[in-house]
Amino acid sequence: MLGGTGQIGRAVAPRLAEDGWEVVVASRSGSLPGALAELGVRAAQVDRDVGDELEAAIGDGVDVLVDVVAFTREHGEQLNRLAGHVGSVVTISSASVYADDAGRTLDEAESIETFPRFPVPIPETQRTVAPSDETYSTQKSALEQELLAGPLPVTILRPCAIHGPGSELPRELYFVKRMLDRRCVVVLVSNGENRFHTTSAANLAELVRLAAASPAKRVVNGGDPDPPSVLEIGRAIAAALGHEFEEVLVPETGYERRELSNPWAVPFPLLVDMGLAGRELGYRPVTTYADAVGETCDWLVEEGAHRDWSGTYLGRYFDYAAEDALLAQR
């Protein structure tokens, strides 16, 4: 598995090991997170961008290569060159590759007017952004097209707002940090009704497990059952941490009140269709958002003691002045 030390890999590796696979986690550090070694998972130090390190690690061949860190067309070309040495590939793309019927995309959305209006839910047949090197989503689209045109059986998974321990950009921090900062009130735009489909790392790992056991060329969405609204997300996190927030609901969207926005504040629903996953892979979710988020919260409480996200896009959500100004008017 390429990239087994982050949020997705640390969920996928044990799922595969418990299913009877001999798992090797390849990463630049060559380290193993958590208790993976106790499950028989082995580590390999591999930098895919250095010479033939990936090819050397593949050696005589592997049955399945799970690649959770492929981002570009070049990565797709690299994987295709492994044909004959790799039985099949499972890789992670993103639901951000979708474009609406008018061509509007998440990458280009700067206002309510330019935000895409997707079908609810979004099927895998929905049009996608044009491939290019310009943005994260266009690069993922280029990766997908390269692999789908290549010689290998490949399952491309399109998750949404992934949650789980080990995230570099954990959306749940929006609520957890407020708890750590002893904030008793939380302000939610769109009356907290926004629905941005969540994807548990555990559910994504189950999709990987099923795809690894059933090689084919396919694209499959990834999302939690009964995706929660932002209001429900906040309540699930508060319940997991034994905290209570007073909820102040603001009718304007996050685009109208950017200073009060949050990481799930889409003005129109972004929900993916999970029917194909069930029909194609026999997928059944292994957890719900409410049941899974507690582990993420516990990890964030520990991380919050020594980690600073102010230099990331999440930093904009913790300037409390706008919230305090709103609350002072009540």
C-alpha atoms as a PDB file:
ATOM      1  CA  MET A   1       0.000   0.000   0.000  1.00  0.00           C
ATOM      2  CA  LEU A   2       1.342   3.410  -0.974  1.00  0.00           C
ATOM      3  CA  GLY A   3       0.794   6.020   1.729  1.00  0.00           C
ATOM      4  CA  GLY A   4      -0.207   3.966   4.722  1.00  0.00           C
ATOM      5  CA  THR A   5       0.708   6.341   7.535  1.00  0.00           C
ATOM      6  CA  GLY A   6      -1.995   9.007   7.164  1.00  0.00           C
ATOM      7  CA  GLN A   7      -5.701   9.218   7.850  1.00  0.00           C
ATOM      8  CA  ILE A   8      -6.796   6.803   5.137  1.00  0.00           C
ATOM      9  CA  GLY A   9      -3.884   4.388   5.291  1.00  0.00           C
ATOM     10  CA  ARG A  10      -4.096   3.821   9.018  1.00  0.00           C
ATOM     11  CA  ALA A  11      -7.719   2.700   8.537  1.00  0.00           C
ATOM     12  CA  VAL A  12      -7.136   0.648   5.376  1.00  0.00           C
ATOM     13  CA  ALA A  13      -4.041  -1.327   6.450  1.00  0.00           C
ATOM     14  CA  PRO A  14      -5.625  -3.078   9.465  1.00  0.00           C
ATOM     15  CA  ARG A  15      -8.820  -3.744   7.503  1.00  0.00           C
ATOM     16  CA  LEU A  16      -6.855  -5.571   4.824  1.00  0.00           C
ATOM     17  CA  ALA A  17      -4.654  -7.399   7.342  1.00  0.00           C
ATOM     18  CA  GLU A  18      -7.684  -8.617   9.282  1.00  0.00           C
ATOM     19  CA  ASP A  19      -9.157  -9.848   5.991  1.00  0.00           C
ATOM     20  CA  GLY A  20      -6.130 -12.097   5.432  1.00  0.00           C
ATOM     21  CA  TRP A  21      -4.000  -9.947   3.129  1.00  0.00           C
ATOM     22  CA  GLU A  22      -0.243  -9.744   3.566  1.00  0.00           C
ATOM     23  CA  VAL A  23       0.110  -5.970   3.833  1.00  0.00           C
ATOM     24  CA  VAL A  24       3.204  -3.874   3.218  1.00  0.00           C
ATOM     25  CA  VAL A  25       2.885  -0.159   3.941  1.00  0.00           C
ATOM     26  CA  ALA A  26       5.173   1.947   1.762  1.00  0.00           C
ATOM     27  CA  SER A  27       5.893   5.520   2.792  1.00  0.00           C
ATOM     28  CA  ARG A  28       8.706   8.057   2.696  1.00  0.00           C
ATOM     29  CA  SER A  29       9.307   7.624   6.415  1.00  0.00           C
ATOM     30  CA  GLY A  30       9.168   3.836   6.362  1.00  0.00           C
ATOM     31  CA  SER A  31       7.267   3.949   9.657  1.00  0.00           C
ATOM     32  CA  LEU A  32       4.158   2.168  10.901  1.00  0.00           C
ATOM     33  CA  PRO A  33       1.451   4.000  12.847  1.00  0.00           C
ATOM     34  CA  GLY A  34      -0.291   2.531  15.852  1.00  0.00           C
ATOM     35  CA  ALA A  35      -0.341  -1.194  16.385  1.00  0.00           C
ATOM     36  CA  LEU A  36      -0.055  -2.254  12.745  1.00  0.00           C
ATOM     37  CA  ALA A  37       3.065  -4.324  13.386  1.00  0.00           C
ATOM     38  CA  GLU A  38       1.080  -6.477  15.799  1.00  0.00           C
ATOM     39  CA  LEU A  39      -1.243  -7.337  12.893  1.00  0.00           C
ATOM     40  CA  GLY A  40       1.676  -8.523  10.801  1.00  0.00           C
ATOM     41  CA  VAL A  41       1.821  -5.396   8.648  1.00  0.00           C
ATOM     42  CA  ARG A  42       5.309  -4.636   7.369  1.00  0.00           C
ATOM     43  CA  ALA A  43       6.839  -1.277   6.486  1.00  0.00           C
ATOM     44  CA  ALA A  44       8.910  -0.223   3.482  1.00  0.00           C
ATOM     45  CA  GLN A  45      10.638   3.098   2.865  1.00  0.00           C
ATOM     46  CA  VAL A  46       9.604   4.225  -0.612  1.00  0.00           C
ATOM     47  CA  ASP A  47       9.522   7.612  -2.317  1.00  0.00           C
ATOM     48  CA  ARG A  48       7.560   7.209  -5.538  1.00  0.00           C
ATOM     49  CA  ASP A  49       9.184  10.359  -6.946  1.00  0.00           C
ATOM     50  CA  VAL A  50      12.723   9.051  -6.590  1.00  0.00           C
ATOM     51  CA  GLY A  51      14.141   6.931  -9.404  1.00  0.00           C
ATOM     52  CA  ASP A  52      12.812   3.398  -9.506  1.00  0.00           C
ATOM     53  CA  GLU A  53      12.092   3.074  -5.789  1.00  0.00           C
ATOM     54  CA  LEU A  54       8.460   2.098  -6.339  1.00  0.00           C
ATOM     55  CA  GLU A  55       9.354  -0.465  -9.002  1.00  0.00           C
ATOM     56  CA  ALA A  56      12.033  -1.924  -6.742  1.00  0.00           C
ATOM     57  CA  ALA A  57       9.555  -2.187  -3.868  1.00  0.00           C
ATOM     58  CA  ILE A  58       7.066  -4.003  -6.108  1.00  0.00           C
ATOM     59  CA  GLY A  59       9.804  -6.504  -6.968  1.00  0.00           C
ATOM     60  CA  ASP A  60       8.439  -9.723  -8.462  1.00  0.00           C
ATOM     61  CA  GLY A  61       4.922  -8.396  -8.164  1.00  0.00           C
ATOM     62  CA  VAL A  62       1.923  -7.859  -5.899  1.00  0.00           C
ATOM     63  CA  ASP A  63      -1.692  -8.928  -6.199  1.00  0.00           C
ATOM     64  CA  VAL A  64      -3.122  -5.505  -5.346  1.00  0.00           C
ATOM     65  CA  LEU A  65      -1.572  -2.066  -5.076  1.00  0.00           C
ATOM     66  CA  VAL A  66      -3.632   0.286  -2.908  1.00  0.00           C
ATOM     67  CA  ASP A  67      -2.532   3.845  -3.623  1.00  0.00           C
ATOM     68  CA  VAL A  68      -3.979   6.448  -1.272  1.00  0.00           C
ATOM     69  CA  VAL A  69      -1.559   9.228  -2.280  1.00  0.00           C
ATOM     70  CA  ALA A  70      -1.946   9.332  -6.079  1.00  0.00           C
ATOM     71  CA  PHE A  71      -2.813  12.872  -7.202  1.00  0.00           C
ATOM     72  CA  THR A  72      -1.690  13.520 -10.768  1.00  0.00           C
ATOM     73  CA  ARG A  73      -1.676  12.239 -14.329  1.00  0.00           C
ATOM     74  CA  GLU A  74       1.990  11.369 -13.827  1.00  0.00           C
ATOM     75  CA  HIS A  75       1.068   9.134 -10.921  1.00  0.00           C
ATOM     76  CA  GLY A  76      -1.479   7.405 -13.148  1.00  0.00           C
ATOM     77  CA  GLU A  77       1.174   6.868 -15.825  1.00  0.00           C
ATOM     78  CA  GLN A  78       3.504   5.460 -13.182  1.00  0.00           C
ATOM     79  CA  LEU A  79       0.881   2.976 -12.021  1.00  0.00           C
ATOM     80  CA  ASN A  80       0.082   1.941 -15.585  1.00  0.00           C
ATOM     81  CA  ARG A  81       3.743   1.113 -16.172  1.00  0.00           C
ATOM     82  CA  LEU A  82       3.455  -1.493 -13.427  1.00  0.00           C
ATOM     83  CA  ALA A  83       1.167  -3.654 -15.577  1.00  0.00           C
ATOM     84  CA  GLY A  84       2.464  -7.201 -15.469  1.00  0.00           C
ATOM     85  CA  HIS A  85       3.799  -6.700 -11.956  1.00  0.00           C
ATOM     86  CA  VAL A  86       0.555  -5.568 -10.281  1.00  0.00           C
ATOM     87  CA  GLY A  87      -2.662  -7.561 -10.442  1.00  0.00           C
ATOM     88  CA  SER A  88      -4.970  -4.605  -9.831  1.00  0.00           C
ATOM     89  CA  VAL A  89      -5.040  -1.115  -8.356  1.00  0.00           C
ATOM     90  CA  VAL A  90      -7.333   0.592  -5.865  1.00  0.00           C
ATOM     91  CA  THR A  91      -6.845   4.344  -5.605  1.00  0.00           C
ATOM     92  CA  ILE A  92      -8.489   7.312  -3.932  1.00  0.00           C
ATOM     93  CA  SER A  93      -9.854  10.206  -5.943  1.00  0.00           C
ATOM     94  CA  SER A  94     -12.414  12.726  -4.678  1.00  0.00           C
ATOM     95  CA  ALA A  95     -16.033  13.737  -5.130  1.00  0.00           C
ATOM     96  CA  SER A  96     -14.656  17.206  -5.875  1.00  0.00           C
ATOM     97  CA  VAL A  97     -14.075  16.028  -9.458  1.00  0.00           C
ATOM     98  CA  TYR A  98     -17.809  16.393 -10.156  1.00  0.00           C
ATOM     99  CA  ALA A  99     -19.154  19.312 -12.178  1.00  0.00           C
ATOM    100  CA  ASP A 100     -22.831  20.208 -12.445  1.00  0.00           C
ATOM    101  CA  ASP A 101     -24.761  20.185 -15.720  1.00  0.00           C
ATOM    102  CA  ALA A 102     -23.871  23.845 -16.292  1.00  0.00           C
ATOM    103  CA  GLY A 103     -20.172  23.113 -15.822  1.00  0.00           C
ATOM    104  CA  ARG A 104     -19.895  24.724 -12.376  1.00  0.00           C
ATOM    105  CA  THR A 105     -17.287  23.150 -10.098  1.00  0.00           C
ATOM    106  CA  LEU A 106     -16.300  23.229  -6.447  1.00  0.00           C
ATOM    107  CA  ASP A 107     -12.850  24.602  -7.284  1.00  0.00           C
ATOM    108  CA  GLU A 108     -14.305  27.651  -9.012  1.00  0.00           C
ATOM    109  CA  ALA A 109     -17.173  28.350  -6.614  1.00  0.00           C
ATOM    110  CA  GLU A 110     -16.725  31.834  -5.162  1.00  0.00           C
ATOM    111  CA  SER A 111     -20.366  32.772  -4.579  1.00  0.00           C
ATOM    112  CA  ILE A 112     -23.831  31.270  -4.326  1.00  0.00           C
ATOM    113  CA  GLU A 113     -24.303  31.949  -8.041  1.00  0.00           C
ATOM    114  CA  THR A 114     -21.150  30.058  -9.042  1.00  0.00           C
ATOM    115  CA  PHE A 115     -21.607  27.151  -6.632  1.00  0.00           C
ATOM    116  CA  PRO A 116     -22.588  23.939  -8.472  1.00  0.00           C
ATOM    117  CA  ARG A 117     -26.137  22.584  -8.290  1.00  0.00           C
ATOM    118  CA  PHE A 118     -25.614  18.856  -8.233  1.00  0.00           C
ATOM    119  CA  PRO A 119     -28.297  16.191  -8.519  1.00  0.00           C
ATOM    120  CA  VAL A 120     -29.215  14.766  -5.117  1.00  0.00           C
ATOM    121  CA  PRO A 121     -27.607  12.335  -4.783  1.00  0.00           C
ATOM    122  CA  ILE A 122     -24.750  12.505  -7.319  1.00  0.00           C
ATOM    123  CA  PRO A 123     -24.303   9.314  -9.379  1.00  0.00           C
ATOM    124  CA  GLU A 124     -20.908   8.195 -10.666  1.00  0.00           C
ATOM    125  CA  THR A 125     -22.124   9.017 -14.192  1.00  0.00           C
ATOM    126  CA  GLN A 126     -22.278  12.749 -13.402  1.00  0.00           C
ATOM    127  CA  ARG A 127     -19.916  14.812 -15.567  1.00  0.00           C
ATOM    128  CA  THR A 128     -16.497  15.667 -14.118  1.00  0.00           C
ATOM    129  CA  VAL A 129     -14.100  18.593 -14.393  1.00  0.00           C
ATOM    130  CA  ALA A 130     -11.753  18.806 -17.343  1.00  0.00           C
ATOM    131  CA  PRO A 131      -8.368  17.253 -16.519  1.00  0.00           C
ATOM    132  CA  SER A 132      -5.444  19.629 -16.095  1.00  0.00           C
ATOM    133  CA  ASP A 133      -2.622  20.518 -13.711  1.00  0.00           C
ATOM    134  CA  GLU A 134      -4.392  23.621 -12.391  1.00  0.00           C
ATOM    135  CA  THR A 135      -6.174  22.476  -9.204  1.00  0.00           C
ATOM    136  CA  TYR A 136      -6.507  19.536  -6.870  1.00  0.00           C
ATOM    137  CA  SER A 137      -9.741  18.447  -8.543  1.00  0.00           C
ATOM    138  CA  THR A 138      -8.505  18.796 -12.112  1.00  0.00           C
ATOM    139  CA  GLN A 139      -5.389  16.810 -11.210  1.00  0.00           C
ATOM    140  CA  LYS A 140      -7.533  14.065  -9.677  1.00  0.00           C
ATOM    141  CA  SER A 141      -9.618  14.061 -12.852  1.00  0.00           C
ATOM    142  CA  ALA A 142      -6.457  13.644 -14.917  1.00  0.00           C
ATOM    143  CA  LEU A 143      -5.368  10.763 -12.666  1.00  0.00           C
ATOM    144  CA  GLU A 144      -8.743   9.064 -13.128  1.00  0.00           C
ATOM    145  CA  GLN A 145      -8.708   9.372 -16.907  1.00  0.00           C
ATOM    146  CA  GLU A 146      -5.165   8.048 -17.168  1.00  0.00           C
ATOM    147  CA  LEU A 147      -5.971   4.982 -15.079  1.00  0.00           C
ATOM    148  CA  LEU A 148      -9.315   4.270 -16.745  1.00  0.00           C
ATOM    149  CA  ALA A 149      -7.596   4.328 -20.146  1.00  0.00           C
ATOM    150  CA  GLY A 150      -4.737   2.139 -18.914  1.00  0.00           C
ATOM    151  CA  PRO A 151      -4.140  -1.619 -18.929  1.00  0.00           C
ATOM    152  CA  LEU A 152      -4.766  -2.369 -15.250  1.00  0.00           C
ATOM    153  CA  PRO A 153      -8.008  -3.298 -13.492  1.00  0.00           C
ATOM    154  CA  VAL A 154      -8.527  -0.235 -11.283  1.00  0.00           C
ATOM    155  CA  THR A 155     -11.143   0.780  -8.740  1.00  0.00           C
ATOM    156  CA  ILE A 156     -11.291   4.542  -8.286  1.00  0.00           C
ATOM    157  CA  LEU A 157     -13.023   5.636  -5.091  1.00  0.00           C
ATOM    158  CA  ARG A 158     -14.559   9.112  -4.788  1.00  0.00           C
ATOM    159  CA  PRO A 159     -15.024   9.970  -1.102  1.00  0.00           C
ATOM    160  CA  CYS A 160     -16.354  13.272   0.232  1.00  0.00           C
ATOM    161  CA  ALA A 161     -15.514  14.993   3.542  1.00  0.00           C
ATOM    162  CA  ILE A 162     -13.280  12.275   5.028  1.00  0.00           C
ATOM    163  CA  HIS A 163     -13.087  12.048   8.807  1.00  0.00           C
ATOM    164  CA  GLY A 164     -10.940   9.927  11.082  1.00  0.00           C
ATOM    165  CA  PRO A 165      -7.788  10.106  13.218  1.00  0.00           C
ATOM    166  CA  GLY A 166      -4.628  11.201  11.447  1.00  0.00           C
ATOM    167  CA  SER A 167      -6.138  13.881   9.215  1.00  0.00           C
ATOM    168  CA  GLU A 168      -3.894  16.729   8.139  1.00  0.00           C
ATOM    169  CA  LEU A 169      -6.940  19.019   7.786  1.00  0.00           C
ATOM    170  CA  PRO A 170      -9.613  17.762  10.201  1.00  0.00           C
ATOM    171  CA  ARG A 171     -12.926  19.572   9.685  1.00  0.00           C
ATOM    172  CA  GLU A 172     -14.081  18.366  13.100  1.00  0.00           C
ATOM    173  CA  LEU A 173     -11.574  20.791  14.598  1.00  0.00           C
ATOM    174  CA  TYR A 174     -14.201  23.487  14.004  1.00  0.00           C
ATOM    175  CA  PHE A 175     -16.186  22.194  16.974  1.00  0.00           C
ATOM    176  CA  VAL A 176     -13.427  20.514  18.987  1.00  0.00           C
ATOM    177  CA  LYS A 177     -11.230  23.614  19.203  1.00  0.00           C
ATOM    178  CA  ARG A 178     -14.191  25.684  20.351  1.00  0.00           C
ATOM    179  CA  MET A 179     -14.695  23.188  23.129  1.00  0.00           C
ATOM    180  CA  LEU A 180     -10.982  23.321  24.030  1.00  0.00           C
ATOM    181  CA  ASP A 181     -11.170  27.125  23.986  1.00  0.00           C
ATOM    182  CA  ARG A 182     -14.117  26.929  26.379  1.00  0.00           C
ATOM    183  CA  ARG A 183     -16.563  28.426  23.916  1.00  0.00           C
ATOM    184  CA  CYS A 184     -20.119  27.762  25.072  1.00  0.00           C
ATOM    185  CA  VAL A 185     -21.828  29.094  21.947  1.00  0.00           C
ATOM    186  CA  VAL A 186     -21.498  27.953  18.329  1.00  0.00           C
ATOM    187  CA  VAL A 187     -22.797  29.989  15.398  1.00  0.00           C
ATOM    188  CA  LEU A 188     -24.002  28.076  12.333  1.00  0.00           C
ATOM    189  CA  VAL A 189     -24.823  29.606   8.948  1.00  0.00           C
ATOM    190  CA  SER A 190     -27.746  28.305   6.849  1.00  0.00           C
ATOM    191  CA  ASN A 191     -29.425  27.461  10.167  1.00  0.00           C
ATOM    192  CA  GLY A 192     -27.042  24.483  10.376  1.00  0.00           C
ATOM    193  CA  GLU A 193     -28.930  22.731   7.569  1.00  0.00           C
ATOM    194  CA  ASN A 194     -25.950  22.346   5.181  1.00  0.00           C
ATOM    195  CA  ARG A 195     -25.327  18.786   3.995  1.00  0.00           C
ATOM    196  CA  PHE A 196     -21.827  17.992   2.771  1.00  0.00           C
ATOM    197  CA  HIS A 197     -21.590  14.195   2.579  1.00  0.00           C
ATOM    198  CA  THR A 198     -19.177  12.801   5.158  1.00  0.00           C
ATOM    199  CA  THR A 199     -16.978   9.741   4.630  1.00  0.00           C
ATOM    200  CA  SER A 200     -15.625   7.794   7.585  1.00  0.00           C
ATOM    201  CA  ALA A 201     -12.107   6.448   7.040  1.00  0.00           C
ATOM    202  CA  ALA A 202     -13.487   3.141   8.326  1.00  0.00           C
ATOM    203  CA  ASN A 203     -16.194   3.053   5.642  1.00  0.00           C
ATOM    204  CA  LEU A 204     -13.634   4.007   3.012  1.00  0.00           C
ATOM    205  CA  ALA A 205     -11.413   1.159   4.230  1.00  0.00           C
ATOM    206  CA  GLU A 206     -14.304  -1.259   3.790  1.00  0.00           C
ATOM    207  CA  LEU A 207     -14.724  -0.092   0.199  1.00  0.00           C
ATOM    208  CA  VAL A 208     -11.002  -0.660  -0.381  1.00  0.00           C
ATOM    209  CA  ARG A 209     -11.240  -4.145   1.118  1.00  0.00           C
ATOM    210  CA  LEU A 210     -14.115  -5.120  -1.140  1.00  0.00           C
ATOM    211  CA  ALA A 211     -12.512  -3.611  -4.247  1.00  0.00           C
ATOM    212  CA  ALA A 212      -9.220  -5.416  -3.559  1.00  0.00           C
ATOM    213  CA  ALA A 213     -11.057  -8.732  -3.469  1.00  0.00           C
ATOM    214  CA  SER A 214     -12.963  -8.050  -6.696  1.00  0.00           C
ATOM    215  CA  PRO A 215     -10.686  -6.459  -9.341  1.00  0.00           C
ATOM    216  CA  ALA A 216     -12.359  -4.554 -12.164  1.00  0.00           C
ATOM    217  CA  LYS A 217     -12.223  -1.206 -13.929  1.00  0.00           C
ATOM    218  CA  ARG A 218     -14.762   0.964 -12.116  1.00  0.00           C
ATOM    219  CA  VAL A 219     -15.495   4.245 -10.341  1.00  0.00           C
ATOM    220  CA  VAL A 220     -17.402   4.132  -7.045  1.00  0.00           C
ATOM    221  CA  ASN A 221     -18.578   6.874  -4.695  1.00  0.00           C
ATOM    222  CA  GLY A 222     -17.734   6.763  -0.999  1.00  0.00           C
ATOM    223  CA  GLY A 223     -19.930   8.217   1.731  1.00  0.00           C
ATOM    224  CA  ASP A 224     -21.444   7.548   5.134  1.00  0.00           C
ATOM    225  CA  PRO A 225     -25.042   6.349   5.563  1.00  0.00           C
ATOM    226  CA  ASP A 226     -27.568   9.064   6.451  1.00  0.00           C
ATOM    227  CA  PRO A 227     -25.093  11.951   6.007  1.00  0.00           C
ATOM    228  CA  PRO A 228     -25.610  14.470   8.818  1.00  0.00           C
ATOM    229  CA  SER A 229     -26.300  18.175   8.565  1.00  0.00           C
ATOM    230  CA  VAL A 230     -23.791  20.569  10.143  1.00  0.00           C
ATOM    231  CA  LEU A 231     -26.143  20.936  13.104  1.00  0.00           C
ATOM    232  CA  GLU A 232     -26.161  17.149  13.541  1.00  0.00           C
ATOM    233  CA  ILE A 233     -22.360  17.023  13.158  1.00  0.00           C
ATOM    234  CA  GLY A 234     -21.968  19.557  15.948  1.00  0.00           C
ATOM    235  CA  ARG A 235     -24.318  17.655  18.213  1.00  0.00           C
ATOM    236  CA  ALA A 236     -22.537  14.354  17.534  1.00  0.00           C
ATOM    237  CA  ILE A 237     -19.174  15.906  18.385  1.00  0.00           C
ATOM    238  CA  ALA A 238     -20.544  17.583  21.514  1.00  0.00           C
ATOM    239  CA  ALA A 239     -22.056  14.281  22.642  1.00  0.00           C
ATOM    240  CA  ALA A 240     -18.805  12.425  22.009  1.00  0.00           C
ATOM    241  CA  LEU A 241     -16.892  14.879  24.193  1.00  0.00           C
ATOM    242  CA  GLY A 242     -19.549  15.405  26.856  1.00  0.00           C
ATOM    243  CA  HIS A 243     -19.834  19.088  25.947  1.00  0.00           C
ATOM    244  CA  GLU A 244     -22.830  21.345  25.438  1.00  0.00           C
ATOM    245  CA  PHE A 245     -23.047  24.186  22.936  1.00  0.00           C
ATOM    246  CA  GLU A 246     -25.716  26.835  22.738  1.00  0.00           C
ATOM    247  CA  GLU A 247     -26.554  26.804  19.030  1.00  0.00           C
ATOM    248  CA  VAL A 248     -27.072  30.175  17.367  1.00  0.00           C
ATOM    249  CA  LEU A 249     -28.556  29.637  13.917  1.00  0.00           C
ATOM    250  CA  VAL A 250     -28.029  32.247  11.191  1.00  0.00           C
ATOM    251  CA  PRO A 251     -30.193  32.029   8.044  1.00  0.00           C
ATOM    252  CA  GLU A 252     -27.563  33.443   5.654  1.00  0.00           C
ATOM    253  CA  THR A 253     -25.202  31.057   3.852  1.00  0.00           C
ATOM    254  CA  GLY A 254     -21.475  30.799   4.387  1.00  0.00           C
ATOM    255  CA  TYR A 255     -20.936  32.761   1.181  1.00  0.00           C
ATOM    256  CA  GLU A 256     -23.093  35.620   2.480  1.00  0.00           C
ATOM    257  CA  ARG A 257     -21.474  35.526   5.933  1.00  0.00           C
ATOM    258  CA  ARG A 258     -17.970  34.256   5.227  1.00  0.00           C
ATOM    259  CA  GLU A 259     -16.766  35.425   8.625  1.00  0.00           C
ATOM    260  CA  LEU A 260     -19.214  32.945  10.226  1.00  0.00           C
ATOM    261  CA  SER A 261     -18.732  30.030   7.821  1.00  0.00           C
ATOM    262  CA  ASN A 262     -17.594  26.489   8.612  1.00  0.00           C
ATOM    263  CA  PRO A 263     -15.860  23.647   6.689  1.00  0.00           C
ATOM    264  CA  TRP A 264     -19.145  21.966   5.662  1.00  0.00           C
ATOM    265  CA  ALA A 265     -21.006  25.161   4.695  1.00  0.00           C
ATOM    266  CA  VAL A 266     -22.050  24.325   1.134  1.00  0.00           C
ATOM    267  CA  PRO A 267     -25.060  26.435   0.079  1.00  0.00           C
ATOM    268  CA  PHE A 268     -26.577  23.501  -1.836  1.00  0.00           C
ATOM    269  CA  PRO A 269     -26.444  19.808  -0.904  1.00  0.00           C
ATOM    270  CA  LEU A 270     -23.416  17.769  -1.912  1.00  0.00           C
ATOM    271  CA  LEU A 271     -24.520  14.179  -1.423  1.00  0.00           C
ATOM    272  CA  VAL A 272     -23.273  11.154  -3.377  1.00  0.00           C
ATOM    273  CA  ASP A 273     -25.230   8.107  -4.466  1.00  0.00           C
ATOM    274  CA  MET A 274     -24.009   4.934  -2.743  1.00  0.00           C
ATOM    275  CA  GLY A 275     -26.222   2.537  -4.715  1.00  0.00           C
ATOM    276  CA  LEU A 276     -23.479   1.428  -7.108  1.00  0.00           C
ATOM    277  CA  ALA A 277     -21.169   0.519  -4.225  1.00  0.00           C
ATOM    278  CA  GLY A 278     -23.807  -1.871  -2.949  1.00  0.00           C
ATOM    279  CA  ARG A 279     -24.609  -3.359  -6.325  1.00  0.00           C
ATOM    280  CA  GLU A 280     -21.036  -3.588  -7.632  1.00  0.00           C
ATOM    281  CA  LEU A 281     -19.125  -4.489  -4.472  1.00  0.00           C
ATOM    282  CA  GLY A 282     -21.781  -5.722  -2.054  1.00  0.00           C
ATOM    283  CA  TYR A 283     -20.845  -2.782   0.164  1.00  0.00           C
ATOM    284  CA  ARG A 284     -22.542  -2.204   3.500  1.00  0.00           C
ATOM    285  CA  PRO A 285     -21.329   0.626   5.748  1.00  0.00           C
ATOM    286  CA  VAL A 286     -19.482  -0.469   8.874  1.00  0.00           C
ATOM    287  CA  THR A 287     -20.198   2.699  10.860  1.00  0.00           C
ATOM    288  CA  THR A 288     -22.148   5.953  10.967  1.00  0.00           C
ATOM    289  CA  TYR A 289     -20.851   9.474  11.415  1.00  0.00           C
ATOM    290  CA  ALA A 290     -22.114   9.666  14.990  1.00  0.00           C
ATOM    291  CA  ASP A 291     -20.538   6.331  15.938  1.00  0.00           C
ATOM    292  CA  ALA A 292     -17.193   7.040  14.239  1.00  0.00           C
ATOM    293  CA  VAL A 293     -16.577  10.655  15.174  1.00  0.00           C
ATOM    294  CA  GLY A 294     -15.735   9.950  18.818  1.00  0.00           C
ATOM    295  CA  GLU A 295     -12.394   8.409  17.849  1.00  0.00           C
ATOM    296  CA  THR A 296     -11.590  11.474  15.756  1.00  0.00           C
ATOM    297  CA  CYS A 297     -12.529  13.781  18.630  1.00  0.00           C
ATOM    298  CA  ASP A 298     -10.338  11.925  21.124  1.00  0.00           C
ATOM    299  CA  TRP A 299      -7.420  12.147  18.695  1.00  0.00           C
ATOM    300  CA  LEU A 300      -8.040  15.865  18.129  1.00  0.00           C
ATOM    301  CA  VAL A 301      -8.150  16.625  21.855  1.00  0.00           C
ATOM    302  CA  GLU A 302      -4.728  15.003  22.183  1.00  0.00           C
ATOM    303  CA  GLU A 303      -3.367  16.672  19.037  1.00  0.00           C
ATOM    304  CA  GLY A 304      -4.778  20.049  20.035  1.00  0.00           C
ATOM    305  CA  ALA A 305      -2.440  20.190  23.001  1.00  0.00           C
ATOM    306  CA  HIS A 306       0.640  20.533  20.788  1.00  0.00           C
ATOM    307  CA  ARG A 307      -0.429  21.181  17.195  1.00  0.00           C
ATOM    308  CA  ASP A 308      -1.239  24.434  15.421  1.00  0.00           C
ATOM    309  CA  TRP A 309      -3.518  24.524  12.358  1.00  0.00           C
ATOM    310  CA  SER A 310      -3.527  28.338  12.071  1.00  0.00           C
ATOM    311  CA  GLY A 311      -1.374  28.202   8.930  1.00  0.00           C
ATOM    312  CA  THR A 312      -3.917  26.019   7.090  1.00  0.00           C
ATOM    313  CA  TYR A 313      -7.295  26.882   5.607  1.00  0.00           C
ATOM    314  CA  LEU A 314      -8.822  25.830   8.929  1.00  0.00           C
ATOM    315  CA  GLY A 315      -7.226  28.815  10.650  1.00  0.00           C
ATOM    316  CA  ARG A 316      -9.844  31.189   9.232  1.00  0.00           C
ATOM    317  CA  TYR A 317     -12.536  29.510  11.305  1.00  0.00           C
ATOM    318  CA  PHE A 318     -11.079  30.462  14.693  1.00  0.00           C
ATOM    319  CA  ASP A 319     -11.094  34.240  14.566  1.00  0.00           C
ATOM    320  CA  TYR A 320     -13.869  34.587  17.101  1.00  0.00           C
ATOM    321  CA  ALA A 321     -14.320  38.356  16.742  1.00  0.00           C
ATOM    322  CA  ALA A 322     -17.161  38.082  14.218  1.00  0.00           C
ATOM    323  CA  GLU A 323     -18.977  35.540  16.382  1.00  0.00           C
ATOM    324  CA  ASP A 324     -18.553  37.687  19.464  1.00  0.00           C
ATOM    325  CA  ALA A 325     -19.822  40.761  17.604  1.00  0.00           C
ATOM    326  CA  LEU A 326     -22.930  38.837  16.518  1.00  0.00           C
ATOM    327  CA  LEU A 327     -23.555  37.501  20.009  1.00  0.00           C
ATOM    328  CA  ALA A 328     -23.170  40.969  21.506  1.00  0.00           C
ATOM    329  CA  GLN A 329     -26.119  42.139  19.390  1.00  0.00           C
ATOM    330  CA  ARG A 330     -28.473  39.521  20.795  1.00  0.00           C
END
